[in-house]
Amino acid sequence: MDMKIFYYGLDSGRMPVKDFIDELDKPVKARIYESLDSITELGFEAPSVLFRQISGGYRIFYVCVKANIMTLLHAYKKQSQKSPRKEIEIASKRLKEVLDYEINTL
């Protein structure tokens, strides 16, 4: 199953997750994009679907509103096992916006 991956976008046109990934060191950035490419080709059957364990300690929040469409909502450098409230609130706010958009475009 082919998966389409979208980046959450701000009204200004910026895509915070893409910007975050692009600012990482080259080897880490390459591993993340390699994982995203695997997901695009194989869906969740991709062997490297390890969003919770991406090398280097990064976490990416995402949502699949439809079976083959993933939207990357928020990314940050992991400092501990537990996600900080601030990071969860950012992802939750963006999730609500994505879901509201999906509901209003049906």
Protein backbone atom coordinates (compact mmCIF):
# COMPACT_ATOMS: atom_id res chain seq x y z
CA MET A 1 0.00 0.00 0.00
CA ASP A 2 1.41 3.37 -0.98
CA MET A 3 1.26 5.95 1.79
CA LYS A 4 1.18 9.68 1.14
CA ILE A 5 2.98 11.81 3.70
CA PHE A 6 2.08 15.44 4.26
CA TYR A 7 3.66 17.99 6.55
CA TYR A 8 1.48 20.13 8.79
CA GLY A 9 1.62 23.66 7.38
CA LEU A 10 1.22 27.02 9.03
CA ASP A 11 -0.80 29.82 7.43
CA SER A 12 2.54 31.49 6.60
CA GLY A 13 3.45 28.52 4.40
CA ARG A 14 6.11 27.19 6.80
CA MET A 15 6.15 23.48 7.57
CA PRO A 16 7.56 23.16 11.11
CA VAL A 17 8.29 19.41 10.98
CA LYS A 18 10.08 19.63 7.63
CA ASP A 19 12.02 22.68 8.85
CA PHE A 20 12.98 20.79 12.04
CA ILE A 21 14.19 17.74 10.11
CA ASP A 22 16.11 19.85 7.58
CA GLU A 23 18.03 21.58 10.40
CA LEU A 24 19.33 18.28 11.84
CA ASP A 25 22.79 16.87 11.22
CA LYS A 26 23.11 15.21 7.83
CA PRO A 27 23.26 11.56 9.06
CA VAL A 28 20.20 11.95 11.34
CA LYS A 29 18.27 13.81 8.66
CA ALA A 30 19.11 11.05 6.17
CA ARG A 31 17.84 8.32 8.54
CA ILE A 32 14.57 10.15 9.12
CA TYR A 33 13.95 10.76 5.42
CA GLU A 34 14.90 7.14 4.72
CA SER A 35 12.25 6.01 7.22
CA LEU A 36 9.67 8.34 5.66
CA ASP A 37 10.52 6.99 2.19
CA SER A 38 10.02 3.42 3.44
CA ILE A 39 6.64 4.37 4.86
CA THR A 40 5.68 6.04 1.56
CA GLU A 41 6.48 2.82 -0.32
CA LEU A 42 5.39 0.14 2.17
CA GLY A 43 3.00 1.86 4.58
CA PHE A 44 3.15 0.67 8.16
CA GLU A 45 4.58 -2.64 7.01
CA ALA A 46 7.88 -0.84 6.42
CA PRO A 47 10.59 -2.46 8.54
CA SER A 48 11.96 0.89 9.66
CA VAL A 49 8.73 2.40 10.99
CA LEU A 50 10.27 3.40 14.30
CA PHE A 51 8.90 6.86 14.96
CA ARG A 52 9.34 6.36 18.68
CA GLN A 53 12.95 5.21 18.30
CA ILE A 54 14.47 7.23 15.47
CA SER A 55 18.21 7.19 15.98
CA GLY A 56 19.43 10.27 17.77
CA GLY A 57 16.45 10.54 20.10
CA TYR A 58 13.83 12.42 18.09
CA ARG A 59 10.07 12.06 18.31
CA ILE A 60 7.61 12.83 15.53
CA PHE A 61 3.89 13.07 16.21
CA TYR A 62 1.67 12.13 13.28
CA VAL A 63 -1.92 11.32 12.42
CA CYS A 64 -3.44 9.07 9.77
CA VAL A 65 -6.84 10.54 9.01
CA LYS A 66 -7.30 8.10 6.15
CA ALA A 67 -5.71 4.68 5.75
CA ASN A 68 -3.03 5.80 3.28
CA ILE A 69 -2.52 9.45 4.27
CA MET A 70 -0.18 10.48 7.08
CA THR A 71 0.26 14.04 8.30
CA LEU A 72 3.38 14.84 10.33
CA LEU A 73 2.25 17.21 13.07
CA HIS A 74 5.20 18.00 15.32
CA ALA A 75 8.80 16.94 15.96
CA TYR A 76 11.25 17.54 18.78
CA LYS A 77 14.44 16.20 20.33
CA LYS A 78 13.59 13.64 22.97
CA GLN A 79 14.98 14.40 26.43
CA SER A 80 13.25 11.61 28.38
CA GLN A 81 10.85 8.70 27.93
CA LYS A 82 7.86 10.90 28.69
CA SER A 83 6.79 13.55 26.19
CA PRO A 84 6.75 17.01 27.76
CA ARG A 85 3.31 18.59 28.14
CA LYS A 86 4.34 21.51 25.88
CA GLU A 87 5.19 19.14 23.00
CA ILE A 88 1.94 17.20 23.44
CA GLU A 89 -0.07 20.45 23.48
CA ILE A 90 1.52 21.62 20.21
CA ALA A 91 0.79 18.27 18.53
CA SER A 92 -2.76 18.21 19.94
CA LYS A 93 -3.50 21.72 18.66
CA ARG A 94 -2.26 20.79 15.19
CA LEU A 95 -4.18 17.51 15.29
CA LYS A 96 -7.39 19.42 16.01
CA GLU A 97 -6.71 21.75 13.06
CA VAL A 98 -6.08 18.81 10.71
CA LEU A 99 -9.22 17.01 11.85
CA ASP A 100 -11.31 20.20 11.59
CA TYR A 101 -10.00 20.69 8.04
CA GLU A 102 -10.83 17.08 7.11
CA ILE A 103 -14.34 17.36 8.56
CA ASN A 104 -15.00 20.64 6.74
CA THR A 105 -13.81 19.32 3.38
CA LEU A 106 -16.08 16.24 3.32
